[in-house]
C-alpha atoms as a PDB file:
ATOM      1  CA  MET A   1     137.005 104.916  74.305  1.00  0.00           C
ATOM      2  CA  PHE A   2     137.148 108.429  73.183  1.00  0.00           C
ATOM      3  CA  TYR A   3     140.895 108.665  73.760  1.00  0.00           C
ATOM      4  CA  LYS A   4     141.221 105.413  71.811  1.00  0.00           C
ATOM      5  CA  PHE A   5     139.112 106.930  69.041  1.00  0.00           C
ATOM      6  CA  LEU A   6     141.424 110.058  68.730  1.00  0.00           C
ATOM      7  CA  SER A   7     144.448 107.698  68.558  1.00  0.00           C
ATOM      8  CA  LEU A   8     143.095 105.602  65.754  1.00  0.00           C
ATOM      9  CA  SER A   9     141.932 108.798  63.895  1.00  0.00           C
ATOM     10  CA  ASN A  10     145.666 109.980  64.055  1.00  0.00           C
ATOM     11  CA  ILE A  11     144.165 113.000  65.868  1.00  0.00           C
ATOM     12  CA  ASN A  12     145.924 112.535  68.997  1.00  0.00           C
ATOM     13  CA  ASN A  13     149.288 110.414  69.831  1.00  0.00           C
ATOM     14  CA  LEU A  14     148.034 108.289  72.515  1.00  0.00           C
ATOM     15  CA  ASN A  15     150.371 106.385  74.671  1.00  0.00           C
ATOM     16  CA  ASP A  16     150.130 102.530  73.660  1.00  0.00           C
ATOM     17  CA  ASP A  17     150.052 101.575  77.414  1.00  0.00           C
ATOM     18  CA  ILE A  18     146.620 103.192  77.644  1.00  0.00           C
ATOM     19  CA  ILE A  19     145.236 101.624  74.493  1.00  0.00           C
ATOM     20  CA  GLU A  20     146.541  98.219  75.865  1.00  0.00           C
ATOM     21  CA  LYS A  21     144.949  98.867  79.251  1.00  0.00           C
ATOM     22  CA  VAL A  22     141.519  99.750  77.664  1.00  0.00           C
ATOM     23  CA  ASP A  23     141.585  96.587  75.396  1.00  0.00           C
ATOM     24  CA  LEU A  24     142.518  94.436  78.506  1.00  0.00           C
ATOM     25  CA  LEU A  25     139.512  95.991  80.490  1.00  0.00           C
ATOM     26  CA  ASN A  26     136.952  95.403  77.741  1.00  0.00           C
ATOM     27  CA  SER A  27     138.035  91.895  76.984  1.00  0.00           C
ATOM     28  CA  GLN A  28     137.420  91.010  80.765  1.00  0.00           C
ATOM     29  CA  ASN A  29     133.977  92.624  80.857  1.00  0.00           C
ATOM     30  CA  ILE A  30     131.324  90.042  80.938  1.00  0.00           C
ATOM     31  CA  ASN A  31     128.400  92.672  80.597  1.00  0.00           C
ATOM     32  CA  LYS A  32     129.786  94.371  77.281  1.00  0.00           C
ATOM     33  CA  LYS A  33     129.874  97.669  78.551  1.00  0.00           C
ATOM     34  CA  SER A  34     132.975  99.683  77.905  1.00  0.00           C
ATOM     35  CA  LYS A  35     135.128 100.511  81.068  1.00  0.00           C
ATOM     36  CA  LYS A  36     135.954 104.089  81.913  1.00  0.00           C
ATOM     37  CA  ILE A  37     139.442 105.050  82.606  1.00  0.00           C
ATOM     38  CA  SER A  38     141.394 108.194  82.787  1.00  0.00           C
ATOM     39  CA  PRO A  39     144.197 109.073  80.451  1.00  0.00           C
ATOM     40  CA  PHE A  40     145.981 110.347  83.691  1.00  0.00           C
ATOM     41  CA  ASP A  41     145.868 106.980  85.213  1.00  0.00           C
ATOM     42  CA  MET A  42     149.382 106.327  83.609  1.00  0.00           C
ATOM     43  CA  CYS A  43     150.667 109.588  85.212  1.00  0.00           C
ATOM     44  CA  PRO A  44     151.606 109.084  88.767  1.00  0.00           C
ATOM     45  CA  ASP A  45     152.738 112.611  89.107  1.00  0.00           C
ATOM     46  CA  ILE A  46     149.213 113.973  88.647  1.00  0.00           C
ATOM     47  CA  VAL A  47     146.512 113.827  91.306  1.00  0.00           C
ATOM     48  CA  ILE A  48     142.819 114.465  89.943  1.00  0.00           C
ATOM     49  CA  SER A  49     140.376 115.780  92.609  1.00  0.00           C
ATOM     50  CA  TYR A  50     136.910 114.634  91.642  1.00  0.00           C
ATOM     51  CA  PRO A  51     133.705 116.331  92.987  1.00  0.00           C
ATOM     52  CA  LYS A  52     131.542 114.157  95.302  1.00  0.00           C
ATOM     53  CA  GLN A  53     128.765 112.143  93.644  1.00  0.00           C
ATOM     54  CA  LEU A  54     125.116 113.074  94.585  1.00  0.00           C
ATOM     55  CA  THR A  55     123.377 110.354  96.347  1.00  0.00           C
ATOM     56  CA  ASN A  56     119.561 109.603  96.770  1.00  0.00           C
ATOM     57  CA  SER A  57     120.006 109.895 100.438  1.00  0.00           C
ATOM     58  CA  GLN A  58     120.053 113.851  99.952  1.00  0.00           C
ATOM     59  CA  SER A  59     116.453 113.752  98.808  1.00  0.00           C
ATOM     60  CA  VAL A  60     115.037 111.870 101.635  1.00  0.00           C
ATOM     61  CA  LEU A  61     112.837 113.907 104.027  1.00  0.00           C
ATOM     62  CA  LYS A  62     114.304 113.377 107.365  1.00  0.00           C
ATOM     63  CA  ASP A  63     111.871 115.746 109.557  1.00  0.00           C
ATOM     64  CA  MET A  64     108.805 117.596 109.347  1.00  0.00           C
ATOM     65  CA  PRO A  65     107.530 120.739 111.491  1.00  0.00           C
ATOM     66  CA  GLU A  66     105.132 119.653 114.103  1.00  0.00           C
ATOM     67  CA  GLU A  67     102.389 121.813 112.862  1.00  0.00           C
ATOM     68  CA  ILE A  68     102.666 119.999 109.482  1.00  0.00           C
ATOM     69  CA  TRP A  69     102.673 116.424 110.939  1.00  0.00           C
ATOM     70  CA  ASN A  70      99.818 117.393 113.154  1.00  0.00           C
ATOM     71  CA  LEU A  71      97.838 118.477 110.137  1.00  0.00           C
ATOM     72  CA  PHE A  72      98.973 115.323 108.257  1.00  0.00           C
ATOM     73  CA  VAL A  73      97.645 113.337 111.266  1.00  0.00           C
ATOM     74  CA  GLU A  74      94.218 115.212 111.140  1.00  0.00           C
ATOM     75  CA  TYR A  75      93.873 114.557 107.455  1.00  0.00           C
ATOM     76  CA  ALA A  76      94.281 110.897 108.135  1.00  0.00           C
ATOM     77  CA  GLU A  77      91.720 110.840 110.825  1.00  0.00           C
ATOM     78  CA  GLU A  78      89.131 112.312 108.271  1.00  0.00           C
ATOM     79  CA  TYR A  79      90.030 110.499 105.030  1.00  0.00           C
ATOM     80  CA  TYR A  80      92.278 107.432 106.145  1.00  0.00           C
ATOM     81  CA  PRO A  81      90.814 106.318 109.562  1.00  0.00           C
ATOM     82  CA  ASN A  82      91.927 102.725 109.023  1.00  0.00           C
ATOM     83  CA  ILE A  83      95.543 103.940 109.496  1.00  0.00           C
ATOM     84  CA  ALA A  84      95.375 107.094 111.380  1.00  0.00           C
ATOM     85  CA  ILE A  85      96.290 105.433 114.656  1.00  0.00           C
ATOM     86  CA  GLY A  86      99.170 103.814 112.754  1.00  0.00           C
ATOM     87  CA  VAL A  87     100.487 107.223 111.573  1.00  0.00           C
ATOM     88  CA  ILE A  88     100.421 108.499 115.055  1.00  0.00           C
ATOM     89  CA  ILE A  89     102.147 105.438 116.400  1.00  0.00           C
ATOM     90  CA  THR A  90     105.006 105.553 113.854  1.00  0.00           C
ATOM     91  CA  ILE A  91     105.428 109.296 114.909  1.00  0.00           C
ATOM     92  CA  CYS A  92     105.121 109.017 118.497  1.00  0.00           C
ATOM     93  CA  SER A  93     107.102 105.728 119.212  1.00  0.00           C
ATOM     94  CA  GLY A  94     109.503 105.532 115.990  1.00  0.00           C
ATOM     95  CA  ILE A  95     108.280 101.848 115.262  1.00  0.00           C
ATOM     96  CA  ARG A  96     108.603 100.571 111.875  1.00  0.00           C
ATOM     97  CA  ARG A  97     106.047  99.578 109.366  1.00  0.00           C
ATOM     98  CA  GLY A  98     106.347  95.965 110.011  1.00  0.00           C
ATOM     99  CA  GLY A  99     106.095  96.517 113.821  1.00  0.00           C
ATOM    100  CA  CYS A 100     102.780  98.215 113.276  1.00  0.00           C
ATOM    101  CA  VAL A 101     101.065  95.527 111.033  1.00  0.00           C
ATOM    102  CA  ASN A 102     101.874  92.785 113.366  1.00  0.00           C
ATOM    103  CA  LEU A 103     100.026  94.395 116.320  1.00  0.00           C
ATOM    104  CA  ARG A 104      96.858  92.860 117.606  1.00  0.00           C
ATOM    105  CA  VAL A 105      94.392  94.931 119.707  1.00  0.00           C
ATOM    106  CA  LYS A 106      95.598  93.329 122.780  1.00  0.00           C
ATOM    107  CA  ASP A 107      99.108  94.170 122.117  1.00  0.00           C
ATOM    108  CA  VAL A 108      98.385  97.902 122.768  1.00  0.00           C
ATOM    109  CA  LYS A 109      98.116  98.985 126.446  1.00  0.00           C
ATOM    110  CA  LEU A 110      96.369 102.076 127.221  1.00  0.00           C
ATOM    111  CA  HIS A 111      97.530 104.250 130.269  1.00  0.00           C
ATOM    112  CA  LYS A 112      94.972 106.937 130.437  1.00  0.00           C
ATOM    113  CA  GLN A 113      96.609 108.566 133.427  1.00  0.00           C
ATOM    114  CA  ASN A 114      99.600 109.610 131.539  1.00  0.00           C
ATOM    115  CA  HIS A 115      98.142 109.797 128.027  1.00  0.00           C
ATOM    116  CA  MET A 116     100.131 107.070 126.685  1.00  0.00           C
ATOM    117  CA  LEU A 117     100.320 103.756 124.892  1.00  0.00           C
ATOM    118  CA  TYR A 118     102.508 100.769 125.387  1.00  0.00           C
ATOM    119  CA  LEU A 119     103.261  98.267 122.697  1.00  0.00           C
ATOM    120  CA  ASN A 120     103.998  94.690 122.698  1.00  0.00           C
ATOM    121  CA  ILE A 121     105.725  94.100 119.420  1.00  0.00           C
ATOM    122  CA  LYS A 122     106.339  90.592 118.280  1.00  0.00           C
ATOM    123  CA  ASP A 123     106.182  88.438 115.125  1.00  0.00           C
ATOM    124  CA  ASN A 124     102.627  87.410 114.489  1.00  0.00           C
ATOM    125  CA  GLN A 125     102.859  86.772 110.749  1.00  0.00           C
ATOM    126  CA  TYR A 126     101.756  83.225 110.940  1.00  0.00           C
ATOM    127  CA  GLU A 127      98.675  84.079 112.991  1.00  0.00           C
ATOM    128  CA  LEU A 128      97.725  87.144 110.905  1.00  0.00           C
ATOM    129  CA  PHE A 129      98.738  86.344 107.409  1.00  0.00           C
ATOM    130  CA  GLY A 130      99.405  82.573 107.468  1.00  0.00           C
ATOM    131  CA  ASP A 131      96.302  81.727 105.501  1.00  0.00           C
ATOM    132  CA  ARG A 132      96.992  83.967 102.794  1.00  0.00           C
ATOM    133  CA  ASP A 133      99.306  83.627  99.844  1.00  0.00           C
ATOM    134  CA  ILE A 134     100.941  87.189 100.027  1.00  0.00           C
ATOM    135  CA  ASN A 135     104.349  88.754  99.905  1.00  0.00           C
ATOM    136  CA  LEU A 136     105.289  89.203 103.541  1.00  0.00           C
ATOM    137  CA  ASN A 137     108.733  90.747 102.931  1.00  0.00           C
ATOM    138  CA  ASN A 138     107.628  94.103 104.261  1.00  0.00           C
ATOM    139  CA  SER A 139     105.404  92.614 107.048  1.00  0.00           C
ATOM    140  CA  GLN A 140     108.480  91.469 109.252  1.00  0.00           C
ATOM    141  CA  VAL A 141     109.259  92.527 112.680  1.00  0.00           C
ATOM    142  CA  LYS A 142     113.103  93.702 112.987  1.00  0.00           C
ATOM    143  CA  LYS A 143     113.208  93.657 116.644  1.00  0.00           C
ATOM    144  CA  PRO A 144     110.540  92.031 118.690  1.00  0.00           C
ATOM    145  CA  ARG A 145     110.138  93.924 122.408  1.00  0.00           C
ATOM    146  CA  GLN A 146     107.949  94.446 125.145  1.00  0.00           C
ATOM    147  CA  LYS A 147     106.435  97.684 126.500  1.00  0.00           C
ATOM    148  CA  GLN A 148     107.683  99.939 123.838  1.00  0.00           C
ATOM    149  CA  PRO A 149     106.517 103.483 124.807  1.00  0.00           C
ATOM    150  CA  VAL A 150     104.349 105.630 122.499  1.00  0.00           C
ATOM    151  CA  LEU A 151     105.100 109.069 123.930  1.00  0.00           C
ATOM    152  CA  PRO A 152     102.472 111.733 124.255  1.00  0.00           C
ATOM    153  CA  LEU A 153     103.879 113.911 121.397  1.00  0.00           C
ATOM    154  CA  HIS A 154     100.162 114.248 120.216  1.00  0.00           C
ATOM    155  CA  SER A 155      97.544 115.489 122.497  1.00  0.00           C
ATOM    156  CA  ARG A 156      94.933 113.181 121.316  1.00  0.00           C
ATOM    157  CA  ILE A 157      96.473 109.917 121.187  1.00  0.00           C
ATOM    158  CA  VAL A 158      94.313 108.228 123.690  1.00  0.00           C
ATOM    159  CA  GLU A 159      91.119 109.688 122.006  1.00  0.00           C
ATOM    160  CA  ILE A 160      92.216 108.450 118.403  1.00  0.00           C
ATOM    161  CA  PHE A 161      93.012 105.085 119.870  1.00  0.00           C
ATOM    162  CA  GLU A 162      89.586 104.702 121.300  1.00  0.00           C
ATOM    163  CA  THR A 163      88.076 105.936 118.086  1.00  0.00           C
ATOM    164  CA  HIS A 164      89.967 103.354 116.333  1.00  0.00           C
ATOM    165  CA  LYS A 165      88.770 100.443 118.460  1.00  0.00           C
ATOM    166  CA  LYS A 166      85.171 101.528 117.702  1.00  0.00           C
ATOM    167  CA  TYR A 167      86.097 101.611 114.206  1.00  0.00           C
ATOM    168  CA  LEU A 168      87.334  97.903 114.406  1.00  0.00           C
ATOM    169  CA  ARG A 169      84.255  96.862 116.191  1.00  0.00           C
ATOM    170  CA  LYS A 170      82.189  97.887 113.344  1.00  0.00           C
ATOM    171  CA  ILE A 171      84.560  96.163 110.781  1.00  0.00           C
ATOM    172  CA  TYR A 172      84.721  93.103 112.886  1.00  0.00           C
ATOM    173  CA  ASN A 173      80.976  93.161 113.649  1.00  0.00           C
ATOM    174  CA  SER A 174      81.977  92.240 117.196  1.00  0.00           C
ATOM    175  CA  ARG A 175      82.628  93.750 120.655  1.00  0.00           C
ATOM    176  CA  TYR A 176      85.371  91.297 121.448  1.00  0.00           C
ATOM    177  CA  ILE A 177      88.327  92.310 119.258  1.00  0.00           C
ATOM    178  CA  LYS A 178      91.359  91.664 121.645  1.00  0.00           C
ATOM    179  CA  ASN A 179      92.661  89.123 119.436  1.00  0.00           C
ATOM    180  CA  LYS A 180      92.014  90.838 116.258  1.00  0.00           C
ATOM    181  CA  ALA A 181      94.561  92.646 114.186  1.00  0.00           C
ATOM    182  CA  LEU A 182      94.985  96.282 114.814  1.00  0.00           C
ATOM    183  CA  PHE A 183      95.001  97.369 111.160  1.00  0.00           C
ATOM    184  CA  VAL A 184      92.690  95.824 108.498  1.00  0.00           C
ATOM    185  CA  ASN A 185      92.421  96.415 104.830  1.00  0.00           C
ATOM    186  CA  ALA A 186      89.288  97.186 102.784  1.00  0.00           C
ATOM    187  CA  TYR A 187      88.210  93.481 102.897  1.00  0.00           C
ATOM    188  CA  GLY A 188      88.284  93.340 106.531  1.00  0.00           C
ATOM    189  CA  LEU A 189      91.622  91.186 106.664  1.00  0.00           C
ATOM    190  CA  PRO A 190      94.673  91.784 108.630  1.00  0.00           C
ATOM    191  CA  MET A 191      96.654  94.585 106.794  1.00  0.00           C
ATOM    192  CA  SER A 192     100.172  93.480 105.447  1.00  0.00           C
ATOM    193  CA  GLY A 193     103.052  95.793 105.301  1.00  0.00           C
ATOM    194  CA  ASP A 194     102.574  96.468 101.559  1.00  0.00           C
ATOM    195  CA  SER A 195      99.028  97.254 102.135  1.00  0.00           C
ATOM    196  CA  PHE A 196      99.931  99.721 104.831  1.00  0.00           C
ATOM    197  CA  SER A 197     102.402 101.431 102.477  1.00  0.00           C
ATOM    198  CA  ASN A 198      99.845 101.477  99.777  1.00  0.00           C
ATOM    199  CA  TYR A 199      97.414 103.409 102.041  1.00  0.00           C
ATOM    200  CA  PHE A 200      99.944 105.660 103.388  1.00  0.00           C
ATOM    201  CA  ASN A 201     101.160 106.682  99.802  1.00  0.00           C
ATOM    202  CA  ASN A 202      97.751 107.496  98.877  1.00  0.00           C
ATOM    203  CA  LEU A 203      97.257 109.455 101.992  1.00  0.00           C
ATOM    204  CA  LYS A 204     100.632 111.328 101.270  1.00  0.00           C
ATOM    205  CA  HIS A 205      99.210 111.987  97.593  1.00  0.00           C
ATOM    206  CA  ASP A 206      95.972 113.316  98.723  1.00  0.00           C
ATOM    207  CA  PHE A 207      97.498 115.311 101.662  1.00  0.00           C
ATOM    208  CA  ILE A 208      99.833 117.180  99.180  1.00  0.00           C
ATOM    209  CA  LYS A 209      96.856 117.903  96.832  1.00  0.00           C
ATOM    210  CA  PHE A 210      95.070 119.238  99.973  1.00  0.00           C
ATOM    211  CA  LEU A 211      97.955 121.667 100.729  1.00  0.00           C
ATOM    212  CA  GLU A 212      97.639 122.850  97.117  1.00  0.00           C
ATOM    213  CA  ASN A 213      94.093 123.446  97.284  1.00  0.00           C
ATOM    214  CA  GLU A 214      94.347 125.312 100.631  1.00  0.00           C
ATOM    215  CA  GLY A 215      96.796 127.846  99.228  1.00  0.00           C
ATOM    216  CA  LEU A 216     100.013 126.253 100.378  1.00  0.00           C
ATOM    217  CA  PRO A 217     101.599 125.586  97.106  1.00  0.00           C
ATOM    218  CA  ALA A 218     105.211 126.005  98.127  1.00  0.00           C
ATOM    219  CA  LEU A 219     104.819 123.507 101.121  1.00  0.00           C
ATOM    220  CA  ALA A 220     103.175 121.182  98.766  1.00  0.00           C
ATOM    221  CA  GLN A 221     105.884 121.515  96.298  1.00  0.00           C
ATOM    222  CA  GLN A 222     108.455 120.870  99.043  1.00  0.00           C
ATOM    223  CA  MET A 223     106.629 117.660 100.017  1.00  0.00           C
ATOM    224  CA  LYS A 224     106.817 116.540  96.457  1.00  0.00           C
ATOM    225  CA  GLU A 225     110.460 117.262  96.058  1.00  0.00           C
ATOM    226  CA  TYR A 226     111.611 114.954  98.918  1.00  0.00           C
ATOM    227  CA  ARG A 227     111.280 111.103  98.979  1.00  0.00           C
ATOM    228  CA  TRP A 228     109.339 109.920 102.086  1.00  0.00           C
ATOM    229  CA  GLY A 229     106.927 107.019 102.990  1.00  0.00           C
ATOM    230  CA  THR A 230     105.982 105.247 106.251  1.00  0.00           C
ATOM    231  CA  HIS A 231     109.597 105.538 107.573  1.00  0.00           C
ATOM    232  CA  ILE A 232     109.007 109.486 108.085  1.00  0.00           C
ATOM    233  CA  GLY A 233     107.394 108.538 111.356  1.00  0.00           C
ATOM    234  CA  ARG A 234     110.621 107.104 112.722  1.00  0.00           C
ATOM    235  CA  HIS A 235     112.490 110.420 111.460  1.00  0.00           C
ATOM    236  CA  ILE A 236     110.112 112.705 113.031  1.00  0.00           C
ATOM    237  CA  PHE A 237     110.157 110.847 116.258  1.00  0.00           C
ATOM    238  CA  THR A 238     113.850 110.712 116.591  1.00  0.00           C
ATOM    239  CA  ASN A 239     114.074 114.428 115.710  1.00  0.00           C
ATOM    240  CA  THR A 240     111.283 115.292 118.035  1.00  0.00           C
ATOM    241  CA  ILE A 241     112.625 113.815 121.237  1.00  0.00           C
ATOM    242  CA  VAL A 242     115.700 115.616 120.818  1.00  0.00           C
ATOM    243  CA  LYS A 243     114.155 118.998 119.774  1.00  0.00           C
ATOM    244  CA  LYS A 244     111.977 118.682 122.997  1.00  0.00           C
ATOM    245  CA  GLY A 245     114.830 117.542 125.132  1.00  0.00           C
ATOM    246  CA  TYR A 246     113.151 114.191 126.005  1.00  0.00           C
ATOM    247  CA  ALA A 247     116.655 112.405 125.376  1.00  0.00           C
ATOM    248  CA  ASN A 248     119.094 115.182 125.850  1.00  0.00           C
ATOM    249  CA  GLY A 249     121.788 115.610 128.579  1.00  0.00           C
ATOM    250  CA  SER A 250     124.126 118.409 129.315  1.00  0.00           C
ATOM    251  CA  GLY A 251     124.711 120.887 126.653  1.00  0.00           C
ATOM    252  CA  ASN A 252     121.309 120.063 125.096  1.00  0.00           C
ATOM    253  CA  LYS A 253     122.976 117.148 123.181  1.00  0.00           C
ATOM    254  CA  PRO A 254     121.237 113.843 122.791  1.00  0.00           C
ATOM    255  CA  ILE A 255     122.257 110.945 124.856  1.00  0.00           C
ATOM    256  CA  PRO A 256     122.727 108.157 122.250  1.00  0.00           C
ATOM    257  CA  LYS A 257     121.867 105.322 124.784  1.00  0.00           C
ATOM    258  CA  LEU A 258     118.571 106.908 125.796  1.00  0.00           C
ATOM    259  CA  VAL A 259     117.629 107.742 122.108  1.00  0.00           C
ATOM    260  CA  ALA A 260     118.236 104.165 121.329  1.00  0.00           C
ATOM    261  CA  LEU A 261     116.187 102.873 124.177  1.00  0.00           C
ATOM    262  CA  LEU A 262     113.190 105.168 123.211  1.00  0.00           C
ATOM    263  CA  ARG A 263     113.413 103.976 119.615  1.00  0.00           C
ATOM    264  CA  GLY A 264     113.828 100.433 120.317  1.00  0.00           C
ATOM    265  CA  ASP A 265     117.182 100.148 118.755  1.00  0.00           C
ATOM    266  CA  SER A 266     119.848  97.560 119.269  1.00  0.00           C
ATOM    267  CA  SER A 267     122.837  99.815 118.862  1.00  0.00           C
ATOM    268  CA  GLU A 268     123.473 103.540 119.584  1.00  0.00           C
ATOM    269  CA  GLU A 269     124.818 104.242 116.363  1.00  0.00           C
ATOM    270  CA  SER A 270     121.680 103.293 114.207  1.00  0.00           C
ATOM    271  CA  SER A 271     119.766 105.938 116.261  1.00  0.00           C
ATOM    272  CA  MET A 272     122.080 108.745 115.656  1.00  0.00           C
ATOM    273  CA  VAL A 273     122.058 108.738 111.977  1.00  0.00           C
ATOM    274  CA  TYR A 274     118.316 109.782 112.156  1.00  0.00           C
ATOM    275  CA  ILE A 275     118.934 113.076 113.818  1.00  0.00           C
ATOM    276  CA  ASP A 276     119.028 115.976 111.480  1.00  0.00           C
ATOM    277  CA  GLU A 277     121.993 118.416 111.999  1.00  0.00           C
ATOM    278  CA  TYR A 278     119.583 121.384 112.206  1.00  0.00           C
ATOM    279  CA  THR A 279     117.713 119.563 115.080  1.00  0.00           C
ATOM    280  CA  LEU A 280     121.072 119.106 116.821  1.00  0.00           C
ATOM    281  CA  SER A 281     121.759 122.906 116.709  1.00  0.00           C
ATOM    282  CA  GLU A 282     118.344 123.795 117.736  1.00  0.00           C
ATOM    283  CA  ALA A 283     117.588 121.219 120.469  1.00  0.00           C
ATOM    284  CA  VAL A 284     115.915 122.668 123.672  1.00  0.00           C
ATOM    285  CA  SER A 285     117.036 122.109 127.152  1.00  0.00           C
ATOM    286  CA  LYS A 286     113.778 121.150 128.790  1.00  0.00           C
ATOM    287  CA  ASN A 287     113.773 117.603 129.685  1.00  0.00           C
ATOM    288  CA  ILE A 288     110.562 115.456 130.281  1.00  0.00           C
ATOM    289  CA  ASN A 289     110.093 114.310 133.903  1.00  0.00           C
ATOM    290  CA  ASP A 290     110.833 110.739 134.821  1.00  0.00           C
ATOM    291  CA  ILE A 291     111.634 109.769 131.195  1.00  0.00           C
ATOM    292  CA  SER A 292     113.637 106.959 132.370  1.00  0.00           C
ATOM    293  CA  ASN A 293     110.566 105.334 133.843  1.00  0.00           C
ATOM    294  CA  ILE A 294     108.788 105.965 130.518  1.00  0.00           C
ATOM    295  CA  ALA A 295     111.427 104.315 128.408  1.00  0.00           C
ATOM    296  CA  MET A 296     111.532 101.385 130.586  1.00  0.00           C
ATOM    297  CA  GLY A 297     107.940 100.450 130.455  1.00  0.00           C
ATOM    298  CA  TYR A 298     105.269 100.192 132.985  1.00  0.00           C
ATOM    299  CA  ASN A 299     105.205 101.840 136.338  1.00  0.00           C
ATOM    300  CA  LYS A 300     104.724  99.224 139.128  1.00  0.00           C
ATOM    301  CA  ASN A 301     102.156 101.483 140.621  1.00  0.00           C
ATOM    302  CA  GLU A 302      99.976 102.071 137.552  1.00  0.00           C
ATOM    303  CA  ASN A 303      96.982 100.300 136.531  1.00  0.00           C
ATOM    304  CA  ASP A 304      95.652  99.356 133.085  1.00  0.00           C
END
């Protein structure tokens, strides 16, 4: 429109073809917003190189140093005990928010011998939320699966899980909690995906305040500048198994099929986009023993 204005004001002799093109585009535009065209569109001999547009994906936090996410877990234990084990599960297994809130206590199998949990993830929406008129868009299970491993990336997984069960017995006022939801809200009801996100975002906000008060303003500012929510656990898990060599082959490079298996992905491609470039370059060569047995689920000789 600026070029048309110049022409109509006799400031610039604009090509009639360009004016016709602008008028045609605007007449076909149903949202009444002016179309943008370049005056060089009518000049085939001129090639314009435009800069790449910035996207929101550049502001997404894709990893977190181990000492920071360990501190985040500790803070959750202290101030958000209802989701602390959820934070650990997302970080140590890479499962999504929907998978978390569909878990019942009996869906978590504890293996004290190898300090691990195994999850049976399935859609329990009707059982857990069927009697409530709430939005369940964020409470869905994307991929049901059995025996999803929760790797021992945190030294106190077993302890925190046992503490969570004690917490649930108080909430439910019962020793028998196997059929109950693993996560409950402030009213003692099964926690939906939206509710889990709300608790997590409050935890995030308070944790950043904690960093500021503890004399870590630069780190707190960094946490503010990036966009991150419950999905950060999936990012941390993917990058951690690569950095620790749990899913790496020769040359310290991750094996896509094994990464996908550990994350519970349907395709190898979806797993690899989570891996940060820095993580790839800094991946270590140490591989966990018998990782294939862990990834595939229960060892036949192990007892609950």
